[in-house]
Amino acid sequence: GSLLVFHREIDHFLLNRDWWRVERAAPSL
């Protein structure tokens, strides 16, 4: 439960940062 409080942060910034991080500021669909 303690881990899951920050599950999205762990997933986005630690485990799968290369997938979720968007570098460019192109117009979004």
PDB file of all heavy atoms in Angstrom:
ATOM      1  N   GLY A   1       0.813  -1.212   0.000  1.00  0.00           N
ATOM      2  CA  GLY A   1       0.000   0.000   0.000  1.00  0.00           C
ATOM      3  C   GLY A   1       0.845   1.259   0.000  1.00  0.00           C
ATOM      4  O   GLY A   1       0.513   2.247  -0.660  1.00  0.00           O
ATOM      5  N   SER A   2       1.950   1.239   0.736  1.00  0.00           N
ATOM      6  CA  SER A   2       2.845   2.399   0.761  1.00  0.00           C
ATOM      7  C   SER A   2       3.431   2.664  -0.618  1.00  0.00           C
ATOM      8  O   SER A   2       3.561   3.824  -1.047  1.00  0.00           O
ATOM      9  CB  SER A   2       3.963   2.177   1.781  1.00  0.00           C
ATOM     10  OG  SER A   2       3.437   2.047   3.088  1.00  0.00           O
ATOM     11  N   LEU A   3       3.804   1.607  -1.324  1.00  0.00           N
ATOM     12  CA  LEU A   3       4.320   1.768  -2.685  1.00  0.00           C
ATOM     13  C   LEU A   3       3.243   2.313  -3.625  1.00  0.00           C
ATOM     14  O   LEU A   3       3.509   3.197  -4.454  1.00  0.00           O
ATOM     15  CB  LEU A   3       4.832   0.437  -3.218  1.00  0.00           C
ATOM     16  CG  LEU A   3       6.198  -0.047  -2.740  1.00  0.00           C
ATOM     17  CD1 LEU A   3       6.460  -1.446  -3.278  1.00  0.00           C
ATOM     18  CD2 LEU A   3       7.295   0.905  -3.191  1.00  0.00           C
ATOM     19  N   LEU A   4       2.021   1.819  -3.478  1.00  0.00           N
ATOM     20  CA  LEU A   4       0.964   2.177  -4.414  1.00  0.00           C
ATOM     21  C   LEU A   4       0.479   3.607  -4.253  1.00  0.00           C
ATOM     22  O   LEU A   4      -0.136   4.155  -5.168  1.00  0.00           O
ATOM     23  CB  LEU A   4      -0.217   1.213  -4.254  1.00  0.00           C
ATOM     24  CG  LEU A   4       0.046  -0.206  -4.760  1.00  0.00           C
ATOM     25  CD1 LEU A   4      -1.136  -1.109  -4.468  1.00  0.00           C
ATOM     26  CD2 LEU A   4       0.340  -0.203  -6.254  1.00  0.00           C
ATOM     27  N   VAL A   5       0.733   4.218  -3.106  1.00  0.00           N
ATOM     28  CA  VAL A   5       0.391   5.634  -2.954  1.00  0.00           C
ATOM     29  C   VAL A   5       1.059   6.454  -4.057  1.00  0.00           C
ATOM     30  O   VAL A   5       0.496   7.424  -4.567  1.00  0.00           O
ATOM     31  CB  VAL A   5       0.819   6.135  -1.561  1.00  0.00           C
ATOM     32  CG1 VAL A   5       0.700   7.657  -1.478  1.00  0.00           C
ATOM     33  CG2 VAL A   5      -0.041   5.489  -0.478  1.00  0.00           C
ATOM     34  N   PHE A   6       2.254   6.035  -4.447  1.00  0.00           N
ATOM     35  CA  PHE A   6       3.013   6.760  -5.474  1.00  0.00           C
ATOM     36  C   PHE A   6       3.273   5.859  -6.683  1.00  0.00           C
ATOM     37  O   PHE A   6       4.320   5.947  -7.326  1.00  0.00           O
ATOM     38  CB  PHE A   6       4.334   7.263  -4.895  1.00  0.00           C
ATOM     39  CG  PHE A   6       4.165   8.219  -3.743  1.00  0.00           C
ATOM     40  CD1 PHE A   6       4.332   7.785  -2.431  1.00  0.00           C
ATOM     41  CD2 PHE A   6       3.798   9.531  -3.969  1.00  0.00           C
ATOM     42  CE1 PHE A   6       4.159   8.656  -1.372  1.00  0.00           C
ATOM     43  CE2 PHE A   6       3.631  10.409  -2.918  1.00  0.00           C
ATOM     44  CZ  PHE A   6       3.807   9.979  -1.607  1.00  0.00           C
ATOM     45  N   HIS A   7       2.313   4.993  -7.006  1.00  0.00           N
ATOM     46  CA  HIS A   7       2.569   4.013  -8.074  1.00  0.00           C
ATOM     47  C   HIS A   7       2.755   4.679  -9.437  1.00  0.00           C
ATOM     48  O   HIS A   7       3.566   4.232 -10.246  1.00  0.00           O
ATOM     49  CB  HIS A   7       1.445   2.972  -8.122  1.00  0.00           C
ATOM     50  CG  HIS A   7       0.148   3.471  -8.686  1.00  0.00           C
ATOM     51  ND1 HIS A   7      -0.218   3.244  -9.987  1.00  0.00           N
ATOM     52  CD2 HIS A   7      -0.854   4.171  -8.127  1.00  0.00           C
ATOM     53  CE1 HIS A   7      -1.394   3.786 -10.210  1.00  0.00           C
ATOM     54  NE2 HIS A   7      -1.805   4.356  -9.107  1.00  0.00           N
ATOM     55  N   ARG A   8       2.013   5.747  -9.700  1.00  0.00           N
ATOM     56  CA  ARG A   8       2.181   6.398 -11.010  1.00  0.00           C
ATOM     57  C   ARG A   8       3.523   7.116 -11.095  1.00  0.00           C
ATOM     58  O   ARG A   8       4.167   7.113 -12.154  1.00  0.00           O
ATOM     59  CB  ARG A   8       1.024   7.357 -11.269  1.00  0.00           C
ATOM     60  CG  ARG A   8      -0.295   6.635 -11.520  1.00  0.00           C
ATOM     61  CD  ARG A   8      -1.318   7.539 -12.158  1.00  0.00           C
ATOM     62  NE  ARG A   8      -1.692   8.640 -11.288  1.00  0.00           N
ATOM     63  CZ  ARG A   8      -2.481   9.651 -11.645  1.00  0.00           C
ATOM     64  NH1 ARG A   8      -2.960   9.709 -12.870  1.00  0.00           N
ATOM     65  NH2 ARG A   8      -2.793  10.602 -10.788  1.00  0.00           N
ATOM     66  N   GLU A   9       3.936   7.746 -10.003  1.00  0.00           N
ATOM     67  CA  GLU A   9       5.247   8.403 -10.008  1.00  0.00           C
ATOM     68  C   GLU A   9       6.362   7.379 -10.219  1.00  0.00           C
ATOM     69  O   GLU A   9       7.309   7.624 -10.988  1.00  0.00           O
ATOM     70  CB  GLU A   9       5.473   9.142  -8.684  1.00  0.00           C
ATOM     71  CG  GLU A   9       4.681  10.422  -8.522  1.00  0.00           C
ATOM     72  CD  GLU A   9       3.284  10.188  -7.967  1.00  0.00           C
ATOM     73  OE1 GLU A   9       2.839   9.011  -7.900  1.00  0.00           O
ATOM     74  OE2 GLU A   9       2.622  11.158  -7.607  1.00  0.00           O
ATOM     75  N   ILE A  10       6.269   6.234  -9.545  1.00  0.00           N
ATOM     76  CA  ILE A  10       7.291   5.196  -9.698  1.00  0.00           C
ATOM     77  C   ILE A  10       7.307   4.667 -11.131  1.00  0.00           C
ATOM     78  O   ILE A  10       8.371   4.476 -11.729  1.00  0.00           O
ATOM     79  CB  ILE A  10       7.038   4.052  -8.694  1.00  0.00           C
ATOM     80  CG1 ILE A  10       7.220   4.564  -7.269  1.00  0.00           C
ATOM     81  CG2 ILE A  10       7.979   2.879  -8.964  1.00  0.00           C
ATOM     82  CD1 ILE A  10       6.807   3.558  -6.205  1.00  0.00           C
ATOM     83  N   ASP A  11       6.124   4.446 -11.679  1.00  0.00           N
ATOM     84  CA  ASP A  11       6.027   3.918 -13.041  1.00  0.00           C
ATOM     85  C   ASP A  11       6.542   4.923 -14.068  1.00  0.00           C
ATOM     86  O   ASP A  11       7.296   4.569 -14.982  1.00  0.00           O
ATOM     87  CB  ASP A  11       4.573   3.555 -13.342  1.00  0.00           C
ATOM     88  CG  ASP A  11       4.401   2.922 -14.712  1.00  0.00           C
ATOM     89  OD1 ASP A  11       5.176   2.004 -15.037  1.00  0.00           O
ATOM     90  OD2 ASP A  11       3.498   3.343 -15.464  1.00  0.00           O
ATOM     91  N   HIS A  12       6.149   6.201 -13.923  1.00  0.00           N
ATOM     92  CA  HIS A  12       6.473   7.210 -14.929  1.00  0.00           C
ATOM     93  C   HIS A  12       7.900   7.736 -14.827  1.00  0.00           C
ATOM     94  O   HIS A  12       8.523   8.021 -15.851  1.00  0.00           O
ATOM     95  CB  HIS A  12       5.502   8.387 -14.819  1.00  0.00           C
ATOM     96  CG  HIS A  12       4.170   8.126 -15.448  1.00  0.00           C
ATOM     97  ND1 HIS A  12       3.314   7.150 -15.008  1.00  0.00           N
ATOM     98  CD2 HIS A  12       3.543   8.724 -16.496  1.00  0.00           C
ATOM     99  CE1 HIS A  12       2.218   7.160 -15.743  1.00  0.00           C
ATOM    100  NE2 HIS A  12       2.333   8.089 -16.651  1.00  0.00           N
ATOM    101  N   PHE A  13       8.418   7.881 -13.605  1.00  0.00           N
ATOM    102  CA  PHE A  13       9.705   8.547 -13.438  1.00  0.00           C
ATOM    103  C   PHE A  13      10.864   7.613 -13.132  1.00  0.00           C
ATOM    104  O   PHE A  13      12.021   8.022 -13.234  1.00  0.00           O
ATOM    105  CB  PHE A  13       9.608   9.602 -12.337  1.00  0.00           C
ATOM    106  CG  PHE A  13       8.581  10.670 -12.618  1.00  0.00           C
ATOM    107  CD1 PHE A  13       7.604  10.966 -11.686  1.00  0.00           C
ATOM    108  CD2 PHE A  13       8.571  11.348 -13.825  1.00  0.00           C
ATOM    109  CE1 PHE A  13       6.646  11.947 -11.937  1.00  0.00           C
ATOM    110  CE2 PHE A  13       7.625  12.318 -14.094  1.00  0.00           C
ATOM    111  CZ  PHE A  13       6.652  12.622 -13.148  1.00  0.00           C
ATOM    112  N   LEU A  14      10.570   6.368 -12.760  1.00  0.00           N
ATOM    113  CA  LEU A  14      11.641   5.431 -12.440  1.00  0.00           C
ATOM    114  C   LEU A  14      11.676   4.227 -13.384  1.00  0.00           C
ATOM    115  O   LEU A  14      12.675   3.997 -14.065  1.00  0.00           O
ATOM    116  CB  LEU A  14      11.496   4.944 -10.982  1.00  0.00           C
ATOM    117  CG  LEU A  14      11.682   5.994  -9.894  1.00  0.00           C
ATOM    118  CD1 LEU A  14      11.459   5.384  -8.520  1.00  0.00           C
ATOM    119  CD2 LEU A  14      13.068   6.623  -9.977  1.00  0.00           C
ATOM    120  N   LEU A  15      10.588   3.485 -13.447  1.00  0.00           N
ATOM    121  CA  LEU A  15      10.603   2.224 -14.186  1.00  0.00           C
ATOM    122  C   LEU A  15      10.500   2.417 -15.693  1.00  0.00           C
ATOM    123  O   LEU A  15      11.176   1.720 -16.456  1.00  0.00           O
ATOM    124  CB  LEU A  15       9.464   1.325 -13.697  1.00  0.00           C
ATOM    125  CG  LEU A  15       9.482   0.980 -12.202  1.00  0.00           C
ATOM    126  CD1 LEU A  15       8.288   0.104 -11.849  1.00  0.00           C
ATOM    127  CD2 LEU A  15      10.783   0.284 -11.831  1.00  0.00           C
ATOM    128  N   ASN A  16       9.649   3.333 -16.141  1.00  0.00           N
ATOM    129  CA  ASN A  16       9.389   3.481 -17.584  1.00  0.00           C
ATOM    130  C   ASN A  16       9.544   4.924 -18.050  1.00  0.00           C
ATOM    131  O   ASN A  16       8.782   5.414 -18.888  1.00  0.00           O
ATOM    132  CB  ASN A  16       7.974   2.982 -17.904  1.00  0.00           C
ATOM    133  CG  ASN A  16       7.799   1.507 -17.609  1.00  0.00           C
ATOM    134  OD1 ASN A  16       8.561   0.675 -18.079  1.00  0.00           O
ATOM    135  ND2 ASN A  16       6.793   1.174 -16.796  1.00  0.00           N
ATOM    136  N   ARG A  17      10.531   5.582 -17.508  1.00  0.00           N
ATOM    137  CA  ARG A  17      10.761   6.989 -17.837  1.00  0.00           C
ATOM    138  C   ARG A  17      10.980   7.186 -19.338  1.00  0.00           C
ATOM    139  O   ARG A  17      10.530   8.182 -19.911  1.00  0.00           O
ATOM    140  CB  ARG A  17      11.979   7.496 -17.053  1.00  0.00           C
ATOM    141  CG  ARG A  17      12.328   8.958 -17.298  1.00  0.00           C
ATOM    142  CD  ARG A  17      13.576   9.341 -16.496  1.00  0.00           C
ATOM    143  NE  ARG A  17      13.989  10.700 -16.787  1.00  0.00           N
ATOM    144  CZ  ARG A  17      13.535  11.768 -16.159  1.00  0.00           C
ATOM    145  NH1 ARG A  17      12.631  11.629 -15.201  1.00  0.00           N
ATOM    146  NH2 ARG A  17      13.968  12.967 -16.474  1.00  0.00           N
ATOM    147  N   ASP A  18      11.635   6.242 -19.991  1.00  0.00           N
ATOM    148  CA  ASP A  18      11.911   6.388 -21.421  1.00  0.00           C
ATOM    149  C   ASP A  18      10.639   6.332 -22.255  1.00  0.00           C
ATOM    150  O   ASP A  18      10.597   6.855 -23.373  1.00  0.00           O
ATOM    151  CB  ASP A  18      12.895   5.301 -21.887  1.00  0.00           C
ATOM    152  CG  ASP A  18      12.421   3.900 -21.535  1.00  0.00           C
ATOM    153  OD1 ASP A  18      11.759   3.739 -20.486  1.00  0.00           O
ATOM    154  OD2 ASP A  18      12.695   2.957 -22.291  1.00  0.00           O
ATOM    155  N   TRP A  19       9.587   5.720 -21.758  1.00  0.00           N
ATOM    156  CA  TRP A  19       8.314   5.662 -22.471  1.00  0.00           C
ATOM    157  C   TRP A  19       7.458   6.898 -22.212  1.00  0.00           C
ATOM    158  O   TRP A  19       6.854   7.443 -23.139  1.00  0.00           O
ATOM    159  CB  TRP A  19       7.515   4.438 -22.036  1.00  0.00           C
ATOM    160  CG  TRP A  19       8.028   3.135 -22.529  1.00  0.00           C
ATOM    161  CD1 TRP A  19       9.105   2.926 -23.361  1.00  0.00           C
ATOM    162  CD2 TRP A  19       7.500   1.851 -22.215  1.00  0.00           C
ATOM    163  NE1 TRP A  19       9.266   1.590 -23.583  1.00  0.00           N
ATOM    164  CE2 TRP A  19       8.301   0.891 -22.900  1.00  0.00           C
ATOM    165  CE3 TRP A  19       6.443   1.410 -21.439  1.00  0.00           C
ATOM    166  CZ2 TRP A  19       8.055  -0.469 -22.820  1.00  0.00           C
ATOM    167  CZ3 TRP A  19       6.190   0.047 -21.355  1.00  0.00           C
ATOM    168  CH2 TRP A  19       6.989  -0.881 -22.032  1.00  0.00           C
ATOM    169  N   TRP A  20       7.408   7.315 -20.945  1.00  0.00           N
ATOM    170  CA  TRP A  20       6.415   8.324 -20.566  1.00  0.00           C
ATOM    171  C   TRP A  20       6.905   9.757 -20.740  1.00  0.00           C
ATOM    172  O   TRP A  20       6.091  10.665 -20.948  1.00  0.00           O
ATOM    173  CB  TRP A  20       6.002   8.123 -19.105  1.00  0.00           C
ATOM    174  CG  TRP A  20       5.262   6.844 -18.856  1.00  0.00           C
ATOM    175  CD1 TRP A  20       5.706   5.759 -18.147  1.00  0.00           C
ATOM    176  CD2 TRP A  20       3.959   6.489 -19.319  1.00  0.00           C
ATOM    177  NE1 TRP A  20       4.767   4.762 -18.145  1.00  0.00           N
ATOM    178  CE2 TRP A  20       3.673   5.183 -18.851  1.00  0.00           C
ATOM    179  CE3 TRP A  20       2.998   7.150 -20.083  1.00  0.00           C
ATOM    180  CZ2 TRP A  20       2.474   4.528 -19.121  1.00  0.00           C
ATOM    181  CZ3 TRP A  20       1.804   6.499 -20.351  1.00  0.00           C
ATOM    182  CH2 TRP A  20       1.551   5.205 -19.875  1.00  0.00           C
ATOM    183  N   ARG A  21       8.183   9.996 -20.673  1.00  0.00           N
ATOM    184  CA  ARG A  21       8.681  11.364 -20.747  1.00  0.00           C
ATOM    185  C   ARG A  21       8.569  11.883 -22.178  1.00  0.00           C
ATOM    186  O   ARG A  21       9.029  11.236 -23.136  1.00  0.00           O
ATOM    187  CB  ARG A  21      10.128  11.442 -20.276  1.00  0.00           C
ATOM    188  CG  ARG A  21      10.697  12.861 -20.296  1.00  0.00           C
ATOM    189  CD  ARG A  21      12.094  12.891 -19.687  1.00  0.00           C
ATOM    190  NE  ARG A  21      12.705  14.199 -19.800  1.00  0.00           N
ATOM    191  CZ  ARG A  21      12.450  15.232 -19.008  1.00  0.00           C
ATOM    192  NH1 ARG A  21      11.577  15.093 -18.038  1.00  0.00           N
ATOM    193  NH2 ARG A  21      13.057  16.387 -19.180  1.00  0.00           N
ATOM    194  N   VAL A  22       7.976  13.056 -22.346  1.00  0.00           N
ATOM    195  CA  VAL A  22       7.807  13.688 -23.653  1.00  0.00           C
ATOM    196  C   VAL A  22       8.762  14.878 -23.731  1.00  0.00           C
ATOM    197  O   VAL A  22       8.650  15.823 -22.953  1.00  0.00           O
ATOM    198  CB  VAL A  22       6.354  14.153 -23.871  1.00  0.00           C
ATOM    199  CG1 VAL A  22       6.216  14.860 -25.211  1.00  0.00           C
ATOM    200  CG2 VAL A  22       5.407  12.974 -23.783  1.00  0.00           C
ATOM    201  N   GLU A  23       9.702  14.820 -24.677  1.00  0.00           N
ATOM    202  CA  GLU A  23      10.711  15.865 -24.793  1.00  0.00           C
ATOM    203  C   GLU A  23      10.216  17.073 -25.579  1.00  0.00           C
ATOM    204  O   GLU A  23      10.386  18.216 -25.184  1.00  0.00           O
ATOM    205  CB  GLU A  23      11.966  15.297 -25.465  1.00  0.00           C
ATOM    206  CG  GLU A  23      12.607  14.150 -24.707  1.00  0.00           C
ATOM    207  CD  GLU A  23      13.325  14.611 -23.452  1.00  0.00           C
ATOM    208  OE1 GLU A  23      13.421  15.839 -23.248  1.00  0.00           O
ATOM    209  OE2 GLU A  23      13.764  13.747 -22.681  1.00  0.00           O
ATOM    210  N   ARG A  24       9.552  16.803 -26.707  1.00  0.00           N
ATOM    211  CA  ARG A  24       9.192  17.893 -27.603  1.00  0.00           C
ATOM    212  C   ARG A  24       7.848  18.495 -27.217  1.00  0.00           C
ATOM    213  O   ARG A  24       7.026  17.881 -26.559  1.00  0.00           O
ATOM    214  CB  ARG A  24       9.136  17.399 -29.041  1.00  0.00           C
ATOM    215  CG  ARG A  24       8.174  16.258 -29.253  1.00  0.00           C
ATOM    216  CD  ARG A  24       8.249  15.725 -30.668  1.00  0.00           C
ATOM    217  NE  ARG A  24       7.356  14.587 -30.855  1.00  0.00           N
ATOM    218  CZ  ARG A  24       7.247  13.906 -31.969  1.00  0.00           C
ATOM    219  NH1 ARG A  24       7.993  14.249 -33.011  1.00  0.00           N
ATOM    220  NH2 ARG A  24       6.418  12.891 -32.059  1.00  0.00           N
ATOM    221  N   ALA A  25       7.637  19.713 -27.681  1.00  0.00           N
ATOM    222  CA  ALA A  25       6.397  20.431 -27.398  1.00  0.00           C
ATOM    223  C   ALA A  25       5.549  20.548 -28.651  1.00  0.00           C
ATOM    224  O   ALA A  25       5.064  21.614 -29.002  1.00  0.00           O
ATOM    225  CB  ALA A  25       6.706  21.810 -26.834  1.00  0.00           C
ATOM    226  N   ALA A  26       5.363  19.430 -29.374  1.00  0.00           N
ATOM    227  CA  ALA A  26       4.549  19.441 -30.592  1.00  0.00           C
ATOM    228  C   ALA A  26       3.070  19.496 -30.237  1.00  0.00           C
ATOM    229  O   ALA A  26       2.670  19.082 -29.152  1.00  0.00           O
ATOM    230  CB  ALA A  26       4.846  18.188 -31.412  1.00  0.00           C
ATOM    231  N   PRO A  27       2.229  20.014 -31.134  1.00  0.00           N
ATOM    232  CA  PRO A  27       0.780  20.030 -30.866  1.00  0.00           C
ATOM    233  C   PRO A  27       0.268  18.613 -30.627  1.00  0.00           C
ATOM    234  O   PRO A  27       0.643  17.665 -31.320  1.00  0.00           O
ATOM    235  CB  PRO A  27       0.196  20.630 -32.150  1.00  0.00           C
ATOM    236  CG  PRO A  27       1.315  21.403 -32.763  1.00  0.00           C
ATOM    237  CD  PRO A  27       2.574  20.653 -32.413  1.00  0.00           C
ATOM    238  N   SER A  28      -0.596  18.464 -29.631  1.00  0.00           N
ATOM    239  CA  SER A  28      -1.107  17.155 -29.269  1.00  0.00           C
ATOM    240  C   SER A  28      -2.441  16.888 -29.944  1.00  0.00           C
ATOM    241  O   SER A  28      -3.248  17.788 -30.158  1.00  0.00           O
ATOM    242  CB  SER A  28      -1.281  17.061 -27.746  1.00  0.00           C
ATOM    243  OG  SER A  28      -0.044  17.204 -27.085  1.00  0.00           O
ATOM    244  N   LEU A  29      -2.663  15.633 -30.266  1.00  0.00           N
ATOM    245  CA  LEU A  29      -3.972  15.199 -30.738  1.00  0.00           C
ATOM    246  C   LEU A  29      -4.946  15.167 -29.557  1.00  0.00           C
ATOM    247  O   LEU A  29      -4.537  15.089 -28.403  1.00  0.00           O
ATOM    248  CB  LEU A  29      -3.872  13.815 -31.360  1.00  0.00           C
ATOM    249  CG  LEU A  29      -2.935  13.653 -32.565  1.00  0.00           C
ATOM    250  CD1 LEU A  29      -2.842  12.186 -32.963  1.00  0.00           C
ATOM    251  CD2 LEU A  29      -3.429  14.482 -33.735  1.00  0.00           C
TER     252      LEU A  29
END
